[in-house]
Amino acid sequence: MEPLSENVEENLDRFIVEALETGCVWGLEGPEGFALCPSEDNDDVDVMPFWSQPEFAQAVCVDEWSVYKPVPVSLEEFLDEWVDGMHADILLVGINWTEELEGMEMEPLDLAEEFDSEMK
C-alpha cells in the first residue's frame, strides 16, 4: 500500500475515495473512548482523527497513543451520525494524519460536503 502523502489535499482526496470504496473509515478507540487531541490551529477546539485505512490508523498507535486501537466506522454511520455529533460537540475531524500526527483538520460539515461532491 502506498504511504500517505506530505500533501494534505492529496490525503483528503485519498480519504474520500478510499472511504467510498471500502464503505468505512477508521478511528482510534481506547479505554476512555475515541482519540481526541488539541487542534494545531485553535487552542479551544479538539480534533478527532480518522483514516481511510486501518494501517494508517495503526501507525500512530505508539507512545502515548499506544492505548488506542483502530476500529472501523461504517461510512453511512459516519456521515449520518458522527458528522452531526462532532459538529454539535464543536470538534474538528483529522483526515488521514501521518505517523507524525500531521494533517488536515476540517469542520465536520465541510467534510460531509466533500463526500457529497464526490458522490455526485
N, C-alpha and C. Protein backbone atom coordinates (compact mmCIF):
# COMPACT_ATOMS: atom_id res chain seq x y z
N MET A 1 0.85 -1.18 0.00
CA MET A 1 0.00 0.00 0.00
C MET A 1 0.90 1.24 0.00
N GLU A 2 0.51 2.20 -0.80
CA GLU A 2 1.28 3.44 -0.89
C GLU A 2 1.09 4.26 0.38
N PRO A 3 2.20 4.83 0.92
CA PRO A 3 2.06 5.63 2.15
C PRO A 3 1.30 6.93 1.89
N LEU A 4 0.90 7.55 2.98
CA LEU A 4 0.24 8.85 2.88
C LEU A 4 1.23 9.89 2.35
N SER A 5 0.69 10.89 1.72
CA SER A 5 1.48 11.96 1.12
C SER A 5 1.82 13.03 2.17
N GLU A 6 2.81 13.85 1.87
CA GLU A 6 3.07 15.03 2.68
C GLU A 6 2.05 16.13 2.35
N ASN A 7 1.31 15.96 1.25
CA ASN A 7 0.34 16.94 0.80
C ASN A 7 -1.03 16.62 1.43
N VAL A 8 -1.51 17.52 2.27
CA VAL A 8 -2.77 17.25 3.00
C VAL A 8 -3.97 17.19 2.07
N GLU A 9 -3.94 17.94 0.96
CA GLU A 9 -5.04 17.88 -0.01
C GLU A 9 -5.11 16.50 -0.67
N GLU A 10 -3.95 15.94 -1.01
CA GLU A 10 -3.91 14.58 -1.58
C GLU A 10 -4.45 13.57 -0.58
N ASN A 11 -4.09 13.74 0.69
CA ASN A 11 -4.56 12.81 1.72
C ASN A 11 -6.07 12.93 1.93
N LEU A 12 -6.61 14.14 1.79
CA LEU A 12 -8.07 14.32 1.86
C LEU A 12 -8.74 13.61 0.70
N ASP A 13 -8.24 13.81 -0.51
CA ASP A 13 -8.81 13.14 -1.68
C ASP A 13 -8.75 11.63 -1.51
N ARG A 14 -7.63 11.15 -1.03
CA ARG A 14 -7.48 9.70 -0.82
C ARG A 14 -8.46 9.20 0.24
N PHE A 15 -8.63 9.96 1.30
CA PHE A 15 -9.57 9.60 2.36
C PHE A 15 -10.97 9.39 1.77
N ILE A 16 -11.42 10.35 0.97
CA ILE A 16 -12.77 10.28 0.41
C ILE A 16 -12.90 9.11 -0.56
N VAL A 17 -11.96 8.98 -1.48
CA VAL A 17 -12.02 7.90 -2.48
C VAL A 17 -11.99 6.52 -1.80
N GLU A 18 -11.04 6.33 -0.88
CA GLU A 18 -10.92 5.02 -0.24
C GLU A 18 -12.09 4.72 0.70
N ALA A 19 -12.61 5.73 1.38
CA ALA A 19 -13.77 5.51 2.25
C ALA A 19 -14.99 5.11 1.42
N LEU A 20 -15.15 5.73 0.26
CA LEU A 20 -16.27 5.36 -0.61
C LEU A 20 -16.08 3.95 -1.16
N GLU A 21 -14.84 3.57 -1.47
CA GLU A 21 -14.57 2.22 -1.99
C GLU A 21 -14.82 1.15 -0.93
N THR A 22 -14.35 1.39 0.31
CA THR A 22 -14.44 0.35 1.35
C THR A 22 -15.73 0.43 2.16
N GLY A 23 -16.37 1.60 2.15
CA GLY A 23 -17.60 1.76 2.92
C GLY A 23 -17.38 2.01 4.39
N CYS A 24 -16.12 2.34 4.78
CA CYS A 24 -15.88 2.65 6.18
C CYS A 24 -14.69 3.59 6.33
N VAL A 25 -14.59 4.18 7.52
CA VAL A 25 -13.43 4.97 7.93
C VAL A 25 -12.94 4.35 9.23
N TRP A 26 -11.75 4.74 9.65
CA TRP A 26 -11.12 4.14 10.83
C TRP A 26 -10.80 5.21 11.86
N GLY A 27 -11.31 5.00 13.07
CA GLY A 27 -10.98 5.87 14.19
C GLY A 27 -10.12 5.10 15.18
N LEU A 28 -9.71 5.77 16.24
CA LEU A 28 -8.93 5.13 17.29
C LEU A 28 -9.73 5.13 18.58
N GLU A 29 -9.93 3.93 19.12
CA GLU A 29 -10.68 3.80 20.37
C GLU A 29 -9.75 3.28 21.46
N GLY A 30 -9.88 3.88 22.64
CA GLY A 30 -9.09 3.47 23.80
C GLY A 30 -9.97 3.33 25.01
N PRO A 31 -9.36 3.18 26.19
CA PRO A 31 -10.13 2.97 27.42
C PRO A 31 -11.11 4.10 27.73
N GLU A 32 -10.79 5.32 27.32
CA GLU A 32 -11.63 6.48 27.62
C GLU A 32 -12.55 6.86 26.46
N GLY A 33 -12.57 6.06 25.39
CA GLY A 33 -13.38 6.40 24.22
C GLY A 33 -12.48 6.68 23.02
N PHE A 34 -13.01 7.44 22.09
CA PHE A 34 -12.27 7.73 20.86
C PHE A 34 -11.21 8.81 21.09
N ALA A 35 -10.12 8.67 20.35
CA ALA A 35 -8.98 9.57 20.49
C ALA A 35 -9.35 11.00 20.12
N LEU A 36 -8.89 11.92 20.95
CA LEU A 36 -9.02 13.36 20.71
C LEU A 36 -7.67 14.00 21.00
N CYS A 37 -7.38 15.07 20.30
CA CYS A 37 -6.19 15.84 20.64
C CYS A 37 -6.46 17.31 20.32
N PRO A 38 -5.69 18.21 20.91
CA PRO A 38 -5.91 19.63 20.66
C PRO A 38 -5.63 19.99 19.20
N SER A 39 -6.38 20.94 18.70
CA SER A 39 -6.17 21.43 17.35
C SER A 39 -4.86 22.19 17.26
N GLU A 40 -4.19 22.05 16.14
CA GLU A 40 -2.98 22.84 15.88
C GLU A 40 -3.35 24.30 15.62
N ASP A 41 -4.55 24.53 15.11
CA ASP A 41 -4.96 25.86 14.66
C ASP A 41 -5.77 26.65 15.68
N ASN A 42 -6.42 25.95 16.62
CA ASN A 42 -7.33 26.62 17.54
C ASN A 42 -7.25 25.95 18.91
N ASP A 43 -6.71 26.67 19.88
CA ASP A 43 -6.50 26.10 21.22
C ASP A 43 -7.78 25.70 21.93
N ASP A 44 -8.92 26.23 21.47
CA ASP A 44 -10.18 25.96 22.14
C ASP A 44 -10.94 24.77 21.58
N VAL A 45 -10.38 24.10 20.57
CA VAL A 45 -11.09 23.03 19.87
C VAL A 45 -10.24 21.77 19.86
N ASP A 46 -10.91 20.63 20.00
CA ASP A 46 -10.24 19.34 19.87
C ASP A 46 -10.51 18.74 18.50
N VAL A 47 -9.65 17.81 18.12
CA VAL A 47 -9.76 17.13 16.83
C VAL A 47 -9.91 15.63 17.08
N MET A 48 -10.82 15.01 16.34
CA MET A 48 -10.98 13.56 16.36
C MET A 48 -10.47 13.03 15.02
N PRO A 49 -9.34 12.32 15.04
CA PRO A 49 -8.77 11.86 13.76
C PRO A 49 -9.43 10.59 13.22
N PHE A 50 -9.49 10.52 11.89
CA PHE A 50 -9.98 9.35 11.17
C PHE A 50 -9.08 9.08 9.97
N TRP A 51 -9.03 7.82 9.58
CA TRP A 51 -8.20 7.39 8.46
C TRP A 51 -9.01 6.55 7.49
N SER A 52 -8.49 6.45 6.27
CA SER A 52 -9.16 5.66 5.24
C SER A 52 -8.73 4.20 5.25
N GLN A 53 -7.64 3.88 5.96
CA GLN A 53 -7.13 2.51 6.02
C GLN A 53 -6.71 2.19 7.45
N PRO A 54 -6.92 0.95 7.90
CA PRO A 54 -6.54 0.60 9.27
C PRO A 54 -5.04 0.71 9.50
N GLU A 55 -4.23 0.46 8.48
CA GLU A 55 -2.77 0.54 8.63
C GLU A 55 -2.32 1.95 8.96
N PHE A 56 -3.00 2.95 8.37
CA PHE A 56 -2.65 4.34 8.65
C PHE A 56 -2.99 4.70 10.09
N ALA A 57 -4.13 4.22 10.55
CA ALA A 57 -4.54 4.47 11.94
C ALA A 57 -3.59 3.76 12.91
N GLN A 58 -3.24 2.52 12.59
CA GLN A 58 -2.36 1.74 13.47
C GLN A 58 -0.98 2.40 13.60
N ALA A 59 -0.54 3.06 12.55
CA ALA A 59 0.81 3.65 12.53
C ALA A 59 1.00 4.73 13.60
N VAL A 60 -0.08 5.36 14.06
CA VAL A 60 0.05 6.40 15.08
C VAL A 60 -0.12 5.86 16.50
N CYS A 61 -0.39 4.57 16.63
CA CYS A 61 -0.64 3.97 17.95
C CYS A 61 0.68 3.62 18.65
N VAL A 62 1.48 4.64 18.91
CA VAL A 62 2.76 4.48 19.60
C VAL A 62 2.83 5.49 20.73
N ASP A 63 3.76 5.27 21.63
CA ASP A 63 3.98 6.16 22.77
C ASP A 63 2.66 6.42 23.50
N GLU A 64 2.30 7.69 23.70
CA GLU A 64 1.08 7.98 24.47
C GLU A 64 -0.19 7.54 23.75
N TRP A 65 -0.09 7.25 22.45
CA TRP A 65 -1.24 6.77 21.69
C TRP A 65 -1.30 5.24 21.64
N SER A 66 -0.41 4.57 22.36
CA SER A 66 -0.38 3.11 22.31
C SER A 66 -1.59 2.47 22.99
N VAL A 67 -2.37 3.24 23.73
CA VAL A 67 -3.58 2.71 24.38
C VAL A 67 -4.74 2.57 23.40
N TYR A 68 -4.58 3.12 22.19
CA TYR A 68 -5.64 3.09 21.20
C TYR A 68 -5.49 1.95 20.21
N LYS A 69 -6.64 1.54 19.65
CA LYS A 69 -6.61 0.56 18.56
C LYS A 69 -7.56 1.03 17.46
N PRO A 70 -7.20 0.76 16.22
CA PRO A 70 -8.08 1.17 15.12
C PRO A 70 -9.40 0.40 15.15
N VAL A 71 -10.49 1.12 14.94
CA VAL A 71 -11.81 0.50 14.85
C VAL A 71 -12.54 1.08 13.65
N PRO A 72 -13.25 0.22 12.91
CA PRO A 72 -13.98 0.71 11.74
C PRO A 72 -15.29 1.37 12.15
N VAL A 73 -15.64 2.39 11.38
CA VAL A 73 -16.95 3.03 11.49
C VAL A 73 -17.52 3.03 10.08
N SER A 74 -18.70 2.47 9.91
CA SER A 74 -19.27 2.43 8.56
C SER A 74 -19.42 3.85 8.04
N LEU A 75 -19.18 4.01 6.75
CA LEU A 75 -19.26 5.34 6.15
C LEU A 75 -20.66 5.93 6.31
N GLU A 76 -21.67 5.09 6.17
CA GLU A 76 -23.05 5.56 6.33
C GLU A 76 -23.26 6.12 7.74
N GLU A 77 -22.82 5.38 8.75
CA GLU A 77 -22.97 5.84 10.14
C GLU A 77 -22.13 7.11 10.37
N PHE A 78 -20.92 7.13 9.81
CA PHE A 78 -20.04 8.28 9.96
C PHE A 78 -20.71 9.55 9.41
N LEU A 79 -21.25 9.44 8.19
CA LEU A 79 -21.86 10.61 7.55
C LEU A 79 -23.21 10.97 8.15
N ASP A 80 -24.00 9.95 8.55
CA ASP A 80 -25.35 10.20 9.06
C ASP A 80 -25.39 10.60 10.53
N GLU A 81 -24.42 10.11 11.33
CA GLU A 81 -24.48 10.34 12.77
C GLU A 81 -23.25 11.06 13.33
N TRP A 82 -22.07 10.56 12.99
CA TRP A 82 -20.85 11.10 13.57
C TRP A 82 -20.61 12.55 13.17
N VAL A 83 -20.81 12.88 11.91
CA VAL A 83 -20.54 14.23 11.43
C VAL A 83 -21.37 15.24 12.21
N ASP A 84 -22.67 14.99 12.33
CA ASP A 84 -23.53 15.92 13.09
C ASP A 84 -23.14 15.97 14.56
N GLY A 85 -22.79 14.81 15.12
CA GLY A 85 -22.37 14.76 16.52
C GLY A 85 -21.09 15.55 16.77
N MET A 86 -20.11 15.40 15.88
CA MET A 86 -18.86 16.14 16.04
C MET A 86 -19.11 17.64 15.87
N HIS A 87 -19.97 17.99 14.93
CA HIS A 87 -20.30 19.40 14.73
C HIS A 87 -20.96 19.96 15.99
N ALA A 88 -21.93 19.23 16.54
CA ALA A 88 -22.63 19.68 17.75
C ALA A 88 -21.67 19.80 18.94
N ASP A 89 -20.68 18.90 19.01
CA ASP A 89 -19.71 18.91 20.11
C ASP A 89 -18.56 19.89 19.86
N ILE A 90 -18.61 20.60 18.75
CA ILE A 90 -17.58 21.57 18.35
C ILE A 90 -16.21 20.88 18.28
N LEU A 91 -16.18 19.79 17.53
CA LEU A 91 -14.93 19.07 17.26
C LEU A 91 -14.58 19.22 15.78
N LEU A 92 -13.31 19.17 15.48
CA LEU A 92 -12.86 19.10 14.11
C LEU A 92 -12.54 17.65 13.77
N VAL A 93 -12.45 17.34 12.49
CA VAL A 93 -12.09 15.99 12.04
C VAL A 93 -10.66 16.05 11.51
N GLY A 94 -9.84 15.15 12.00
CA GLY A 94 -8.49 14.99 11.45
C GLY A 94 -8.56 13.98 10.31
N ILE A 95 -7.96 14.32 9.17
CA ILE A 95 -8.10 13.49 7.97
C ILE A 95 -6.77 12.85 7.60
N ASN A 96 -6.72 11.51 7.64
CA ASN A 96 -5.55 10.74 7.18
C ASN A 96 -4.24 11.36 7.66
N TRP A 97 -4.12 11.50 8.98
CA TRP A 97 -2.89 12.06 9.55
C TRP A 97 -1.72 11.11 9.33
N THR A 98 -0.55 11.69 9.19
CA THR A 98 0.68 10.90 9.04
C THR A 98 1.09 10.33 10.40
N GLU A 99 2.14 9.52 10.39
CA GLU A 99 2.65 8.94 11.64
C GLU A 99 3.09 10.02 12.62
N GLU A 100 3.42 11.20 12.12
CA GLU A 100 3.82 12.32 12.97
C GLU A 100 2.62 13.11 13.47
N LEU A 101 1.41 12.58 13.25
CA LEU A 101 0.15 13.24 13.64
C LEU A 101 0.00 14.59 12.95
N GLU A 102 0.42 14.64 11.70
CA GLU A 102 0.29 15.87 10.92
C GLU A 102 -0.71 15.63 9.80
N GLY A 103 -1.55 16.63 9.59
CA GLY A 103 -2.52 16.53 8.51
C GLY A 103 -3.61 17.56 8.65
N MET A 104 -4.60 17.41 7.81
CA MET A 104 -5.69 18.37 7.72
C MET A 104 -6.65 18.23 8.90
N GLU A 105 -7.16 19.40 9.34
CA GLU A 105 -8.24 19.47 10.32
C GLU A 105 -9.40 20.17 9.62
N MET A 106 -10.58 19.55 9.66
CA MET A 106 -11.74 20.11 8.96
C MET A 106 -12.95 20.19 9.85
N GLU A 107 -13.81 21.16 9.57
CA GLU A 107 -15.13 21.21 10.19
C GLU A 107 -15.90 20.01 9.65
N PRO A 108 -16.56 19.24 10.50
CA PRO A 108 -17.26 18.03 10.04
C PRO A 108 -18.24 18.25 8.89
N LEU A 109 -18.99 19.35 8.92
CA LEU A 109 -19.96 19.59 7.85
C LEU A 109 -19.26 19.89 6.52
N ASP A 110 -18.07 20.50 6.58
CA ASP A 110 -17.30 20.71 5.34
C ASP A 110 -16.85 19.38 4.75
N LEU A 111 -16.47 18.44 5.62
CA LEU A 111 -16.08 17.11 5.15
C LEU A 111 -17.28 16.41 4.50
N ALA A 112 -18.45 16.53 5.11
CA ALA A 112 -19.65 15.93 4.54
C ALA A 112 -19.93 16.49 3.15
N GLU A 113 -19.71 17.79 2.97
CA GLU A 113 -19.90 18.40 1.65
C GLU A 113 -18.91 17.84 0.63
N GLU A 114 -17.68 17.57 1.08
CA GLU A 114 -16.67 16.97 0.17
C GLU A 114 -17.17 15.59 -0.30
N PHE A 115 -17.72 14.81 0.62
CA PHE A 115 -18.26 13.49 0.25
C PHE A 115 -19.43 13.65 -0.71
N ASP A 116 -20.32 14.60 -0.42
CA ASP A 116 -21.47 14.83 -1.31
C ASP A 116 -21.01 15.18 -2.71
N SER A 117 -20.01 16.04 -2.83
CA SER A 117 -19.49 16.44 -4.15
C SER A 117 -18.92 15.25 -4.89
N GLU A 118 -18.19 14.40 -4.18
CA GLU A 118 -17.56 13.24 -4.82
C GLU A 118 -18.61 12.21 -5.24
N MET A 119 -19.71 12.10 -4.51
CA MET A 119 -20.73 11.09 -4.82
C MET A 119 -21.63 11.51 -5.97
N LYS A 120 -21.59 12.80 -6.34
CA LYS A 120 -22.45 13.27 -7.43
C LYS A 120 -21.81 13.06 -8.78
